[in-house]
Amino acid sequence: MNIEEMMNSGTFTVAGDTVNSTKYAYRIKHALLAAGYKVYAVGKELESLDDVPEDHIEVLDLCINPAKGARLLEETEKPIGAVIIQPGAGDDSIRAILERRGIPYVDGCVLRALEARGHYTMPS
């Protein structure tokens, strides 16, 4: 699965600081909402992936430090369809958890993927 396929999902869960306008997680959340996606935010808004009011996580966007991301992944048994690991949010422990659980993932940038679809303009 690649990031373009993941962007076809209708629902995203963004893990990171989605309440601070200077953080990438905030930008990602609001860009996804503006593009018409349903978005849940874990980290500052919801405490865990288990708090997401869906039976499963369609796409999880990790925009959080790797230790916190690993903890979120380890603390849930909720099915996760796919994960996008933002720059700086991944490490070997994150990838090992995803591989062990058989969750497809990509290292990528949601904002760049939205830009490619004409839904976002990267600041210059």
PDB file of N, CA and C in Angstrom:
ATOM      1  N   MET A   1       0.853  -1.177   0.000  1.00  0.00           N
ATOM      2  CA  MET A   1       0.000   0.000   0.000  1.00  0.00           C
ATOM      3  C   MET A   1       0.900   1.241   0.000  1.00  0.00           C
ATOM      4  N   ASN A   2       0.529   2.226  -0.810  1.00  0.00           N
ATOM      5  CA  ASN A   2       1.309   3.455  -0.853  1.00  0.00           C
ATOM      6  C   ASN A   2       0.471   4.617  -0.316  1.00  0.00           C
ATOM      7  N   ILE A   3       1.106   5.773  -0.194  1.00  0.00           N
ATOM      8  CA  ILE A   3       0.421   6.911   0.426  1.00  0.00           C
ATOM      9  C   ILE A   3      -0.769   7.371  -0.409  1.00  0.00           C
ATOM     10  N   GLU A   4      -0.681   7.247  -1.731  1.00  0.00           N
ATOM     11  CA  GLU A   4      -1.807   7.644  -2.575  1.00  0.00           C
ATOM     12  C   GLU A   4      -3.028   6.783  -2.275  1.00  0.00           C
ATOM     13  N   GLU A   5      -2.822   5.482  -2.088  1.00  0.00           N
ATOM     14  CA  GLU A   5      -3.933   4.593  -1.726  1.00  0.00           C
ATOM     15  C   GLU A   5      -4.485   4.943  -0.347  1.00  0.00           C
ATOM     16  N   MET A   6      -3.597   5.265   0.583  1.00  0.00           N
ATOM     17  CA  MET A   6      -4.040   5.625   1.928  1.00  0.00           C
ATOM     18  C   MET A   6      -4.886   6.891   1.906  1.00  0.00           C
ATOM     19  N   MET A   7      -4.562   7.806   1.007  1.00  0.00           N
ATOM     20  CA  MET A   7      -5.300   9.071   0.923  1.00  0.00           C
ATOM     21  C   MET A   7      -6.718   8.865   0.395  1.00  0.00           C
ATOM     22  N   ASN A   8      -7.014   7.689  -0.161  1.00  0.00           N
ATOM     23  CA  ASN A   8      -8.369   7.381  -0.616  1.00  0.00           C
ATOM     24  C   ASN A   8      -9.297   7.034   0.543  1.00  0.00           C
ATOM     25  N   SER A   9      -8.754   6.827   1.723  1.00  0.00           N
ATOM     26  CA  SER A   9      -9.575   6.553   2.897  1.00  0.00           C
ATOM     27  C   SER A   9     -10.357   7.807   3.256  1.00  0.00           C
ATOM     28  N   GLY A  10     -11.478   7.629   3.911  1.00  0.00           N
ATOM     29  CA  GLY A  10     -12.296   8.774   4.289  1.00  0.00           C
ATOM     30  C   GLY A  10     -12.028   9.297   5.679  1.00  0.00           C
ATOM     31  N   THR A  11     -11.360   8.480   6.507  1.00  0.00           N
ATOM     32  CA  THR A  11     -11.174   8.841   7.904  1.00  0.00           C
ATOM     33  C   THR A  11      -9.711   8.687   8.299  1.00  0.00           C
ATOM     34  N   PHE A  12      -9.191   9.723   8.955  1.00  0.00           N
ATOM     35  CA  PHE A  12      -7.819   9.716   9.449  1.00  0.00           C
ATOM     36  C   PHE A  12      -7.819   9.937  10.954  1.00  0.00           C
ATOM     37  N   THR A  13      -6.849   9.346  11.614  1.00  0.00           N
ATOM     38  CA  THR A  13      -6.571   9.643  13.009  1.00  0.00           C
ATOM     39  C   THR A  13      -5.168  10.221  13.046  1.00  0.00           C
ATOM     40  N   VAL A  14      -5.062  11.444  13.537  1.00  0.00           N
ATOM     41  CA  VAL A  14      -3.768  12.131  13.610  1.00  0.00           C
ATOM     42  C   VAL A  14      -3.275  12.050  15.046  1.00  0.00           C
ATOM     43  N   ALA A  15      -2.084  11.490  15.241  1.00  0.00           N
ATOM     44  CA  ALA A  15      -1.472  11.407  16.569  1.00  0.00           C
ATOM     45  C   ALA A  15      -0.413  12.491  16.676  1.00  0.00           C
ATOM     46  N   GLY A  16      -0.634  13.424  17.588  1.00  0.00           N
ATOM     47  CA  GLY A  16       0.308  14.519  17.776  1.00  0.00           C
ATOM     48  C   GLY A  16      -0.371  15.701  18.432  1.00  0.00           C
ATOM     49  N   ASP A  17       0.323  16.823  18.470  1.00  0.00           N
ATOM     50  CA  ASP A  17      -0.210  18.028  19.095  1.00  0.00           C
ATOM     51  C   ASP A  17      -1.061  18.784  18.080  1.00  0.00           C
ATOM     52  N   THR A  18      -2.351  18.493  18.104  1.00  0.00           N
ATOM     53  CA  THR A  18      -3.282  19.076  17.140  1.00  0.00           C
ATOM     54  C   THR A  18      -3.949  20.349  17.649  1.00  0.00           C
ATOM     55  N   VAL A  19      -3.553  20.825  18.830  1.00  0.00           N
ATOM     56  CA  VAL A  19      -4.149  22.053  19.365  1.00  0.00           C
ATOM     57  C   VAL A  19      -3.210  23.258  19.276  1.00  0.00           C
ATOM     58  N   ASN A  20      -1.954  23.034  18.999  1.00  0.00           N
ATOM     59  CA  ASN A  20      -0.962  24.100  18.897  1.00  0.00           C
ATOM     60  C   ASN A  20      -0.752  24.429  17.419  1.00  0.00           C
ATOM     61  N   SER A  21      -1.142  25.627  17.006  1.00  0.00           N
ATOM     62  CA  SER A  21      -1.102  25.994  15.588  1.00  0.00           C
ATOM     63  C   SER A  21       0.303  26.031  14.989  1.00  0.00           C
ATOM     64  N   THR A  22       1.337  25.959  15.816  1.00  0.00           N
ATOM     65  CA  THR A  22       2.702  25.950  15.284  1.00  0.00           C
ATOM     66  C   THR A  22       3.202  24.534  14.986  1.00  0.00           C
ATOM     67  N   LYS A  23       2.411  23.526  15.317  1.00  0.00           N
ATOM     68  CA  LYS A  23       2.833  22.126  15.151  1.00  0.00           C
ATOM     69  C   LYS A  23       2.292  21.543  13.843  1.00  0.00           C
ATOM     70  N   TYR A  24       3.046  20.615  13.277  1.00  0.00           N
ATOM     71  CA  TYR A  24       2.620  19.972  12.036  1.00  0.00           C
ATOM     72  C   TYR A  24       1.333  19.175  12.214  1.00  0.00           C
ATOM     73  N   ALA A  25       1.144  18.536  13.348  1.00  0.00           N
ATOM     74  CA  ALA A  25      -0.081  17.761  13.561  1.00  0.00           C
ATOM     75  C   ALA A  25      -1.312  18.657  13.439  1.00  0.00           C
ATOM     76  N   TYR A  26      -1.220  19.865  13.945  1.00  0.00           N
ATOM     77  CA  TYR A  26      -2.313  20.840  13.827  1.00  0.00           C
ATOM     78  C   TYR A  26      -2.577  21.147  12.351  1.00  0.00           C
ATOM     79  N   ARG A  27      -1.512  21.437  11.600  1.00  0.00           N
ATOM     80  CA  ARG A  27      -1.650  21.743  10.177  1.00  0.00           C
ATOM     81  C   ARG A  27      -2.249  20.567   9.413  1.00  0.00           C
ATOM     82  N   ILE A  28      -1.779  19.375   9.732  1.00  0.00           N
ATOM     83  CA  ILE A  28      -2.274  18.174   9.058  1.00  0.00           C
ATOM     84  C   ILE A  28      -3.754  17.979   9.350  1.00  0.00           C
ATOM     85  N   LYS A  29      -4.130  18.064  10.617  1.00  0.00           N
ATOM     86  CA  LYS A  29      -5.536  17.886  10.993  1.00  0.00           C
ATOM     87  C   LYS A  29      -6.421  18.858  10.220  1.00  0.00           C
ATOM     88  N   HIS A  30      -6.061  20.129  10.229  1.00  0.00           N
ATOM     89  CA  HIS A  30      -6.907  21.140   9.601  1.00  0.00           C
ATOM     90  C   HIS A  30      -6.887  21.044   8.075  1.00  0.00           C
ATOM     91  N   ALA A  31      -5.780  20.635   7.494  1.00  0.00           N
ATOM     92  CA  ALA A  31      -5.726  20.442   6.041  1.00  0.00           C
ATOM     93  C   ALA A  31      -6.605  19.258   5.633  1.00  0.00           C
ATOM     94  N   LEU A  32      -6.584  18.182   6.415  1.00  0.00           N
ATOM     95  CA  LEU A  32      -7.449  17.037   6.131  1.00  0.00           C
ATOM     96  C   LEU A  32      -8.921  17.425   6.246  1.00  0.00           C
ATOM     97  N   LEU A  33      -9.265  18.153   7.297  1.00  0.00           N
ATOM     98  CA  LEU A  33     -10.651  18.604   7.470  1.00  0.00           C
ATOM     99  C   LEU A  33     -11.088  19.484   6.294  1.00  0.00           C
ATOM    100  N   ALA A  34     -10.231  20.400   5.886  1.00  0.00           N
ATOM    101  CA  ALA A  34     -10.554  21.299   4.776  1.00  0.00           C
ATOM    102  C   ALA A  34     -10.737  20.532   3.464  1.00  0.00           C
ATOM    103  N   ALA A  35     -10.053  19.390   3.344  1.00  0.00           N
ATOM    104  CA  ALA A  35     -10.161  18.567   2.139  1.00  0.00           C
ATOM    105  C   ALA A  35     -11.343  17.600   2.201  1.00  0.00           C
ATOM    106  N   GLY A  36     -12.092  17.632   3.306  1.00  0.00           N
ATOM    107  CA  GLY A  36     -13.296  16.811   3.404  1.00  0.00           C
ATOM    108  C   GLY A  36     -13.156  15.480   4.119  1.00  0.00           C
ATOM    109  N   TYR A  37     -12.016  15.246   4.733  1.00  0.00           N
ATOM    110  CA  TYR A  37     -11.824  14.005   5.475  1.00  0.00           C
ATOM    111  C   TYR A  37     -12.454  14.113   6.861  1.00  0.00           C
ATOM    112  N   LYS A  38     -12.843  12.986   7.403  1.00  0.00           N
ATOM    113  CA  LYS A  38     -13.240  12.893   8.803  1.00  0.00           C
ATOM    114  C   LYS A  38     -11.941  12.669   9.576  1.00  0.00           C
ATOM    115  N   VAL A  39     -11.738  13.434  10.661  1.00  0.00           N
ATOM    116  CA  VAL A  39     -10.463  13.380  11.370  1.00  0.00           C
ATOM    117  C   VAL A  39     -10.681  13.268  12.872  1.00  0.00           C
ATOM    118  N   TYR A  40      -9.933  12.350  13.479  1.00  0.00           N
ATOM    119  CA  TYR A  40      -9.850  12.237  14.935  1.00  0.00           C
ATOM    120  C   TYR A  40      -8.435  12.615  15.335  1.00  0.00           C
ATOM    121  N   ALA A  41      -8.283  13.179  16.512  1.00  0.00           N
ATOM    122  CA  ALA A  41      -6.968  13.619  16.973  1.00  0.00           C
ATOM    123  C   ALA A  41      -6.641  12.969  18.315  1.00  0.00           C
ATOM    124  N   VAL A  42      -5.494  12.297  18.354  1.00  0.00           N
ATOM    125  CA  VAL A  42      -5.034  11.618  19.565  1.00  0.00           C
ATOM    126  C   VAL A  42      -3.729  12.262  20.001  1.00  0.00           C
ATOM    127  N   GLY A  43      -3.626  12.512  21.276  1.00  0.00           N
ATOM    128  CA  GLY A  43      -2.413  13.112  21.828  1.00  0.00           C
ATOM    129  C   GLY A  43      -2.783  14.232  22.769  1.00  0.00           C
ATOM    130  N   LYS A  44      -3.436  15.250  22.225  1.00  0.00           N
ATOM    131  CA  LYS A  44      -3.874  16.388  23.040  1.00  0.00           C
ATOM    132  C   LYS A  44      -5.393  16.434  23.164  1.00  0.00           C
ATOM    133  N   GLU A  45      -6.113  15.827  22.215  1.00  0.00           N
ATOM    134  CA  GLU A  45      -7.572  15.862  22.240  1.00  0.00           C
ATOM    135  C   GLU A  45      -8.141  14.556  22.799  1.00  0.00           C
ATOM    136  N   LEU A  46      -7.833  13.446  22.175  1.00  0.00           N
ATOM    137  CA  LEU A  46      -8.163  12.130  22.716  1.00  0.00           C
ATOM    138  C   LEU A  46      -6.878  11.548  23.290  1.00  0.00           C
ATOM    139  N   GLU A  47      -7.004  10.790  24.374  1.00  0.00           N
ATOM    140  CA  GLU A  47      -5.793  10.279  25.033  1.00  0.00           C
ATOM    141  C   GLU A  47      -5.190   9.052  24.365  1.00  0.00           C
ATOM    142  N   SER A  48      -6.038   8.204  23.788  1.00  0.00           N
ATOM    143  CA  SER A  48      -5.515   6.964  23.213  1.00  0.00           C
ATOM    144  C   SER A  48      -6.276   6.603  21.950  1.00  0.00           C
ATOM    145  N   LEU A  49      -5.730   5.671  21.209  1.00  0.00           N
ATOM    146  CA  LEU A  49      -6.410   5.185  20.012  1.00  0.00           C
ATOM    147  C   LEU A  49      -7.729   4.517  20.373  1.00  0.00           C
ATOM    148  N   ASP A  50      -7.805   3.951  21.577  1.00  0.00           N
ATOM    149  CA  ASP A  50      -9.049   3.327  22.023  1.00  0.00           C
ATOM    150  C   ASP A  50     -10.175   4.339  22.202  1.00  0.00           C
ATOM    151  N   ASP A  51      -9.848   5.621  22.336  1.00  0.00           N
ATOM    152  CA  ASP A  51     -10.856   6.669  22.491  1.00  0.00           C
ATOM    153  C   ASP A  51     -11.481   7.094  21.159  1.00  0.00           C
ATOM    154  N   VAL A  52     -10.912   6.665  20.049  1.00  0.00           N
ATOM    155  CA  VAL A  52     -11.475   6.985  18.735  1.00  0.00           C
ATOM    156  C   VAL A  52     -12.806   6.229  18.614  1.00  0.00           C
ATOM    157  N   PRO A  53     -13.907   6.950  18.353  1.00  0.00           N
ATOM    158  CA  PRO A  53     -15.217   6.309  18.354  1.00  0.00           C
ATOM    159  C   PRO A  53     -15.554   5.570  17.058  1.00  0.00           C
ATOM    160  N   GLU A  54     -14.668   4.732  16.628  1.00  0.00           N
ATOM    161  CA  GLU A  54     -14.857   3.883  15.450  1.00  0.00           C
ATOM    162  C   GLU A  54     -14.415   2.473  15.831  1.00  0.00           C
ATOM    163  N   ASP A  55     -14.909   1.473  15.095  1.00  0.00           N
ATOM    164  CA  ASP A  55     -14.515   0.089  15.359  1.00  0.00           C
ATOM    165  C   ASP A  55     -13.058  -0.170  15.021  1.00  0.00           C
ATOM    166  N   HIS A  56     -12.532   0.616  14.077  1.00  0.00           N
ATOM    167  CA  HIS A  56     -11.133   0.464  13.663  1.00  0.00           C
ATOM    168  C   HIS A  56     -10.592   1.827  13.235  1.00  0.00           C
ATOM    169  N   ILE A  57      -9.303   1.897  13.119  1.00  0.00           N
ATOM    170  CA  ILE A  57      -8.622   3.096  12.630  1.00  0.00           C
ATOM    171  C   ILE A  57      -8.344   2.856  11.154  1.00  0.00           C
ATOM    172  N   GLU A  58      -8.912   3.697  10.281  1.00  0.00           N
ATOM    173  CA  GLU A  58      -8.658   3.509   8.841  1.00  0.00           C
ATOM    174  C   GLU A  58      -7.197   3.812   8.526  1.00  0.00           C
ATOM    175  N   VAL A  59      -6.786   5.056   8.780  1.00  0.00           N
ATOM    176  CA  VAL A  59      -5.399   5.471   8.564  1.00  0.00           C
ATOM    177  C   VAL A  59      -4.953   6.263   9.783  1.00  0.00           C
ATOM    178  N   LEU A  60      -3.837   5.841  10.347  1.00  0.00           N
ATOM    179  CA  LEU A  60      -3.223   6.540  11.472  1.00  0.00           C
ATOM    180  C   LEU A  60      -2.043   7.327  10.941  1.00  0.00           C
ATOM    181  N   ASP A  61      -2.050   8.638  11.198  1.00  0.00           N
ATOM    182  CA  ASP A  61      -0.930   9.485  10.811  1.00  0.00           C
ATOM    183  C   ASP A  61      -0.124   9.784  12.066  1.00  0.00           C
ATOM    184  N   LEU A  62       1.079   9.251  12.134  1.00  0.00           N
ATOM    185  CA  LEU A  62       1.944   9.485  13.285  1.00  0.00           C
ATOM    186  C   LEU A  62       2.730  10.769  13.074  1.00  0.00           C
ATOM    187  N   CYS A  63       2.408  11.757  13.882  1.00  0.00           N
ATOM    188  CA  CYS A  63       3.101  13.050  13.855  1.00  0.00           C
ATOM    189  C   CYS A  63       3.455  13.376  15.308  1.00  0.00           C
ATOM    190  N   ILE A  64       4.123  12.426  15.919  1.00  0.00           N
ATOM    191  CA  ILE A  64       4.380  12.437  17.361  1.00  0.00           C
ATOM    192  C   ILE A  64       5.745  11.799  17.574  1.00  0.00           C
ATOM    193  N   ASN A  65       6.404  12.097  18.690  1.00  0.00           N
ATOM    194  CA  ASN A  65       7.735  11.497  18.849  1.00  0.00           C
ATOM    195  C   ASN A  65       7.611   9.974  18.922  1.00  0.00           C
ATOM    196  N   PRO A  66       8.632   9.265  18.438  1.00  0.00           N
ATOM    197  CA  PRO A  66       8.545   7.813  18.316  1.00  0.00           C
ATOM    198  C   PRO A  66       8.201   7.078  19.617  1.00  0.00           C
ATOM    199  N   ALA A  67       8.701   7.523  20.748  1.00  0.00           N
ATOM    200  CA  ALA A  67       8.397   6.835  22.014  1.00  0.00           C
ATOM    201  C   ALA A  67       6.902   6.909  22.325  1.00  0.00           C
ATOM    202  N   LYS A  68       6.306   8.074  22.132  1.00  0.00           N
ATOM    203  CA  LYS A  68       4.863   8.224  22.367  1.00  0.00           C
ATOM    204  C   LYS A  68       4.059   7.455  21.328  1.00  0.00           C
ATOM    205  N   GLY A  69       4.514   7.473  20.080  1.00  0.00           N
ATOM    206  CA  GLY A  69       3.844   6.716  19.025  1.00  0.00           C
ATOM    207  C   GLY A  69       3.865   5.228  19.308  1.00  0.00           C
ATOM    208  N   ALA A  70       5.009   4.722  19.753  1.00  0.00           N
ATOM    209  CA  ALA A  70       5.120   3.300  20.089  1.00  0.00           C
ATOM    210  C   ALA A  70       4.176   2.954  21.234  1.00  0.00           C
ATOM    211  N   ARG A  71       4.095   3.825  22.236  1.00  0.00           N
ATOM    212  CA  ARG A  71       3.194   3.581  23.358  1.00  0.00           C
ATOM    213  C   ARG A  71       1.733   3.529  22.893  1.00  0.00           C
ATOM    214  N   LEU A  72       1.334   4.465  22.040  1.00  0.00           N
ATOM    215  CA  LEU A  72      -0.035   4.452  21.512  1.00  0.00           C
ATOM    216  C   LEU A  72      -0.334   3.153  20.777  1.00  0.00           C
ATOM    217  N   LEU A  73       0.609   2.710  19.952  1.00  0.00           N
ATOM    218  CA  LEU A  73       0.417   1.475  19.200  1.00  0.00           C
ATOM    219  C   LEU A  73       0.355   0.258  20.107  1.00  0.00           C
ATOM    220  N   GLU A  74       1.210   0.219  21.129  1.00  0.00           N
ATOM    221  CA  GLU A  74       1.259  -0.933  22.030  1.00  0.00           C
ATOM    222  C   GLU A  74       0.035  -1.009  22.941  1.00  0.00           C
ATOM    223  N   GLU A  75      -0.563   0.150  23.254  1.00  0.00           N
ATOM    224  CA  GLU A  75      -1.675   0.181  24.197  1.00  0.00           C
ATOM    225  C   GLU A  75      -3.026  -0.172  23.579  1.00  0.00           C
ATOM    226  N   THR A  76      -3.085  -0.345  22.265  1.00  0.00           N
ATOM    227  CA  THR A  76      -4.372  -0.641  21.643  1.00  0.00           C
ATOM    228  C   THR A  76      -4.346  -1.970  20.907  1.00  0.00           C
ATOM    229  N   GLU A  77      -5.489  -2.619  20.927  1.00  0.00           N
ATOM    230  CA  GLU A  77      -5.696  -3.816  20.114  1.00  0.00           C
ATOM    231  C   GLU A  77      -6.634  -3.484  18.961  1.00  0.00           C
ATOM    232  N   LYS A  78      -7.073  -2.218  18.893  1.00  0.00           N
ATOM    233  CA  LYS A  78      -7.990  -1.779  17.839  1.00  0.00           C
ATOM    234  C   LYS A  78      -7.331  -2.014  16.489  1.00  0.00           C
ATOM    235  N   PRO A  79      -8.062  -2.585  15.548  1.00  0.00           N
ATOM    236  CA  PRO A  79      -7.487  -2.787  14.208  1.00  0.00           C
ATOM    237  C   PRO A  79      -7.121  -1.459  13.553  1.00  0.00           C
ATOM    238  N   ILE A  80      -5.970  -1.451  12.893  1.00  0.00           N
ATOM    239  CA  ILE A  80      -5.474  -0.268  12.195  1.00  0.00           C
ATOM    240  C   ILE A  80      -5.227  -0.669  10.745  1.00  0.00           C
ATOM    241  N   GLY A  81      -5.870   0.053   9.827  1.00  0.00           N
ATOM    242  CA  GLY A  81      -5.759  -0.295   8.414  1.00  0.00           C
ATOM    243  C   GLY A  81      -4.413   0.027   7.810  1.00  0.00           C
ATOM    244  N   ALA A  82      -3.860   1.186   8.144  1.00  0.00           N
ATOM    245  CA  ALA A  82      -2.577   1.618   7.582  1.00  0.00           C
ATOM    246  C   ALA A  82      -2.041   2.770   8.416  1.00  0.00           C
ATOM    247  N   VAL A  83      -0.726   2.978   8.310  1.00  0.00           N
ATOM    248  CA  VAL A  83      -0.075   4.047   9.070  1.00  0.00           C
ATOM    249  C   VAL A  83       0.829   4.852   8.143  1.00  0.00           C
ATOM    250  N   ILE A  84       0.745   6.169   8.299  1.00  0.00           N
ATOM    251  CA  ILE A  84       1.694   7.072   7.640  1.00  0.00           C
ATOM    252  C   ILE A  84       2.607   7.612   8.737  1.00  0.00           C
ATOM    253  N   ILE A  85       3.899   7.418   8.554  1.00  0.00           N
ATOM    254  CA  ILE A  85       4.882   7.892   9.524  1.00  0.00           C
ATOM    255  C   ILE A  85       5.484   9.189   8.981  1.00  0.00           C
ATOM    256  N   GLN A  86       5.140  10.298   9.629  1.00  0.00           N
ATOM    257  CA  GLN A  86       5.648  11.606   9.226  1.00  0.00           C
ATOM    258  C   GLN A  86       7.154  11.686   9.514  1.00  0.00           C
ATOM    259  N   PRO A  87       7.880  12.547   8.810  1.00  0.00           N
ATOM    260  CA  PRO A  87       9.308  12.719   9.091  1.00  0.00           C
ATOM    261  C   PRO A  87       9.549  13.029  10.576  1.00  0.00           C
ATOM    262  N   GLY A  88      10.453  12.276  11.190  1.00  0.00           N
ATOM    263  CA  GLY A  88      10.790  12.462  12.595  1.00  0.00           C
ATOM    264  C   GLY A  88       9.928  11.671  13.561  1.00  0.00           C
ATOM    265  N   ALA A  89       8.866  11.040  13.064  1.00  0.00           N
ATOM    266  CA  ALA A  89       7.949  10.310  13.949  1.00  0.00           C
ATOM    267  C   ALA A  89       8.215   8.810  13.982  1.00  0.00           C
ATOM    268  N   GLY A  90       9.159   8.338  13.199  1.00  0.00           N
ATOM    269  CA  GLY A  90       9.400   6.899  13.130  1.00  0.00           C
ATOM    270  C   GLY A  90      10.779   6.514  13.600  1.00  0.00           C
ATOM    271  N   ASP A  91      10.864   5.296  14.055  1.00  0.00           N
ATOM    272  CA  ASP A  91      12.147   4.690  14.389  1.00  0.00           C
ATOM    273  C   ASP A  91      11.985   3.181  14.269  1.00  0.00           C
ATOM    274  N   ASP A  92      13.038   2.439  14.601  1.00  0.00           N
ATOM    275  CA  ASP A  92      12.993   0.983  14.450  1.00  0.00           C
ATOM    276  C   ASP A  92      11.917   0.342  15.314  1.00  0.00           C
ATOM    277  N   SER A  93      11.646   0.909  16.504  1.00  0.00           N
ATOM    278  CA  SER A  93      10.635   0.297  17.380  1.00  0.00           C
ATOM    279  C   SER A  93       9.240   0.462  16.780  1.00  0.00           C
ATOM    280  N   ILE A  94       8.947   1.591  16.194  1.00  0.00           N
ATOM    281  CA  ILE A  94       7.656   1.817  15.535  1.00  0.00           C
ATOM    282  C   ILE A  94       7.485   0.817  14.396  1.00  0.00           C
ATOM    283  N   ARG A  95       8.490   0.711  13.551  1.00  0.00           N
ATOM    284  CA  ARG A  95       8.405  -0.198  12.406  1.00  0.00           C
ATOM    285  C   ARG A  95       8.291  -1.652  12.851  1.00  0.00           C
ATOM    286  N   ALA A  96       8.964  -2.019  13.930  1.00  0.00           N
ATOM    287  CA  ALA A  96       8.877  -3.388  14.445  1.00  0.00           C
ATOM    288  C   ALA A  96       7.460  -3.699  14.939  1.00  0.00           C
ATOM    289  N   ILE A  97       6.840  -2.763  15.624  1.00  0.00           N
ATOM    290  CA  ILE A  97       5.463  -2.960  16.099  1.00  0.00           C
ATOM    291  C   ILE A  97       4.522  -3.135  14.909  1.00  0.00           C
ATOM    292  N   LEU A  98       4.658  -2.270  13.925  1.00  0.00           N
ATOM    293  CA  LEU A  98       3.779  -2.343  12.753  1.00  0.00           C
ATOM    294  C   LEU A  98       3.986  -3.644  11.992  1.00  0.00           C
ATOM    295  N   GLU A  99       5.222  -4.051  11.827  1.00  0.00           N
ATOM    296  CA  GLU A  99       5.503  -5.312  11.128  1.00  0.00           C
ATOM    297  C   GLU A  99       4.975  -6.504  11.913  1.00  0.00           C
ATOM    298  N   ARG A 100       5.152  -6.496  13.224  1.00  0.00           N
ATOM    299  CA  ARG A 100       4.655  -7.590  14.063  1.00  0.00           C
ATOM    300  C   ARG A 100       3.138  -7.709  13.961  1.00  0.00           C
ATOM    301  N   ARG A 101       2.458  -6.585  13.897  1.00  0.00           N
ATOM    302  CA  ARG A 101       0.993  -6.585  13.822  1.00  0.00           C
ATOM    303  C   ARG A 101       0.470  -6.682  12.387  1.00  0.00           C
ATOM    304  N   GLY A 102       1.372  -6.693  11.414  1.00  0.00           N
ATOM    305  CA  GLY A 102       0.957  -6.816  10.022  1.00  0.00           C
ATOM    306  C   GLY A 102       0.229  -5.593   9.489  1.00  0.00           C
ATOM    307  N   ILE A 103       0.587  -4.420  10.003  1.00  0.00           N
ATOM    308  CA  ILE A 103      -0.059  -3.172   9.585  1.00  0.00           C
ATOM    309  C   ILE A 103       0.787  -2.527   8.485  1.00  0.00           C
ATOM    310  N   PRO A 104       0.197  -2.284   7.314  1.00  0.00           N
ATOM    311  CA  PRO A 104       0.964  -1.618   6.263  1.00  0.00           C
ATOM    312  C   PRO A 104       1.291  -0.179   6.665  1.00  0.00           C
ATOM    313  N   TYR A 105       2.478   0.276   6.265  1.00  0.00           N
ATOM    314  CA  TYR A 105       2.884   1.639   6.603  1.00  0.00           C
ATOM    315  C   TYR A 105       3.774   2.215   5.520  1.00  0.00           C
ATOM    316  N   VAL A 106       3.830   3.541   5.509  1.00  0.00           N
ATOM    317  CA  VAL A 106       4.747   4.258   4.633  1.00  0.00           C
ATOM    318  C   VAL A 106       5.370   5.399   5.424  1.00  0.00           C
ATOM    319  N   ASP A 107       6.572   5.741   5.065  1.00  0.00           N
ATOM    320  CA  ASP A 107       7.193   6.956   5.557  1.00  0.00           C
ATOM    321  C   ASP A 107       6.796   8.028   4.550  1.00  0.00           C
ATOM    322  N   GLY A 108       6.077   9.032   5.004  1.00  0.00           N
ATOM    323  CA  GLY A 108       5.620  10.033   4.059  1.00  0.00           C
ATOM    324  C   GLY A 108       5.067  11.259   4.742  1.00  0.00           C
ATOM    325  N   CYS A 109       4.511  12.147   3.937  1.00  0.00           N
ATOM    326  CA  CYS A 109       3.992  13.416   4.425  1.00  0.00           C
ATOM    327  C   CYS A 109       2.568  13.611   3.907  1.00  0.00           C
ATOM    328  N   VAL A 110       1.619  13.692   4.818  1.00  0.00           N
ATOM    329  CA  VAL A 110       0.228  13.893   4.441  1.00  0.00           C
ATOM    330  C   VAL A 110       0.045  15.229   3.727  1.00  0.00           C
ATOM    331  N   LEU A 111       0.732  16.269   4.179  1.00  0.00           N
ATOM    332  CA  LEU A 111       0.585  17.570   3.530  1.00  0.00           C
ATOM    333  C   LEU A 111       1.053  17.522   2.074  1.00  0.00           C
ATOM    334  N   ARG A 112       2.141  16.825   1.813  1.00  0.00           N
ATOM    335  CA  ARG A 112       2.619  16.673   0.430  1.00  0.00           C
ATOM    336  C   ARG A 112       1.607  15.878  -0.398  1.00  0.00           C
ATOM    337  N   ALA A 113       1.023  14.830   0.214  1.00  0.00           N
ATOM    338  CA  ALA A 113       0.025  14.020  -0.497  1.00  0.00           C
ATOM    339  C   ALA A 113      -1.228  14.849  -0.793  1.00  0.00           C
ATOM    340  N   LEU A 114      -1.643  15.686   0.153  1.00  0.00           N
ATOM    341  CA  LEU A 114      -2.782  16.579  -0.084  1.00  0.00           C
ATOM    342  C   LEU A 114      -2.453  17.595  -1.171  1.00  0.00           C
ATOM    343  N   GLU A 115      -1.227  18.092  -1.169  1.00  0.00           N
ATOM    344  CA  GLU A 115      -0.793  19.045  -2.188  1.00  0.00           C
ATOM    345  C   GLU A 115      -0.854  18.404  -3.571  1.00  0.00           C
ATOM    346  N   ALA A 116      -0.428  17.156  -3.681  1.00  0.00           N
ATOM    347  CA  ALA A 116      -0.451  16.448  -4.962  1.00  0.00           C
ATOM    348  C   ALA A 116      -1.879  16.289  -5.480  1.00  0.00           C
ATOM    349  N   ARG A 117      -2.849  16.277  -4.574  1.00  0.00           N
ATOM    350  CA  ARG A 117      -4.258  16.164  -4.948  1.00  0.00           C
ATOM    351  C   ARG A 117      -4.924  17.523  -5.127  1.00  0.00           C
ATOM    352  N   GLY A 118      -4.159  18.596  -4.963  1.00  0.00           N
ATOM    353  CA  GLY A 118      -4.708  19.932  -5.133  1.00  0.00           C
ATOM    354  C   GLY A 118      -5.496  20.444  -3.944  1.00  0.00           C
ATOM    355  N   HIS A 119      -5.295  19.829  -2.765  1.00  0.00           N
ATOM    356  CA  HIS A 119      -6.047  20.210  -1.555  1.00  0.00           C
ATOM    357  C   HIS A 119      -5.231  21.019  -0.557  1.00  0.00           C
ATOM    358  N   TYR A 120      -3.987  21.318  -0.886  1.00  0.00           N
ATOM    359  CA  TYR A 120      -3.138  22.022   0.065  1.00  0.00           C
ATOM    360  C   TYR A 120      -2.000  22.668  -0.709  1.00  0.00           C
ATOM    361  N   THR A 121      -1.520  23.787  -0.224  1.00  0.00           N
ATOM    362  CA  THR A 121      -0.351  24.430  -0.803  1.00  0.00           C
ATOM    363  C   THR A 121       0.704  24.546   0.288  1.00  0.00           C
ATOM    364  N   MET A 122       1.852  23.937   0.032  1.00  0.00           N
ATOM    365  CA  MET A 122       2.944  24.007   1.004  1.00  0.00           C
ATOM    366  C   MET A 122       3.446  25.437   1.073  1.00  0.00           C
ATOM    367  N   PRO A 123       3.685  25.945   2.300  1.00  0.00           N
ATOM    368  CA  PRO A 123       4.259  27.285   2.426  1.00  0.00           C
ATOM    369  C   PRO A 123       5.652  27.342   1.803  1.00  0.00           C
ATOM    370  N   SER A 124       5.984  28.468   1.235  1.00  0.00           N
ATOM    371  CA  SER A 124       7.304  28.578   0.590  1.00  0.00           C
ATOM    372  C   SER A 124       8.366  29.012   1.574  1.00  0.00           C
TER     373      SER A 124
END
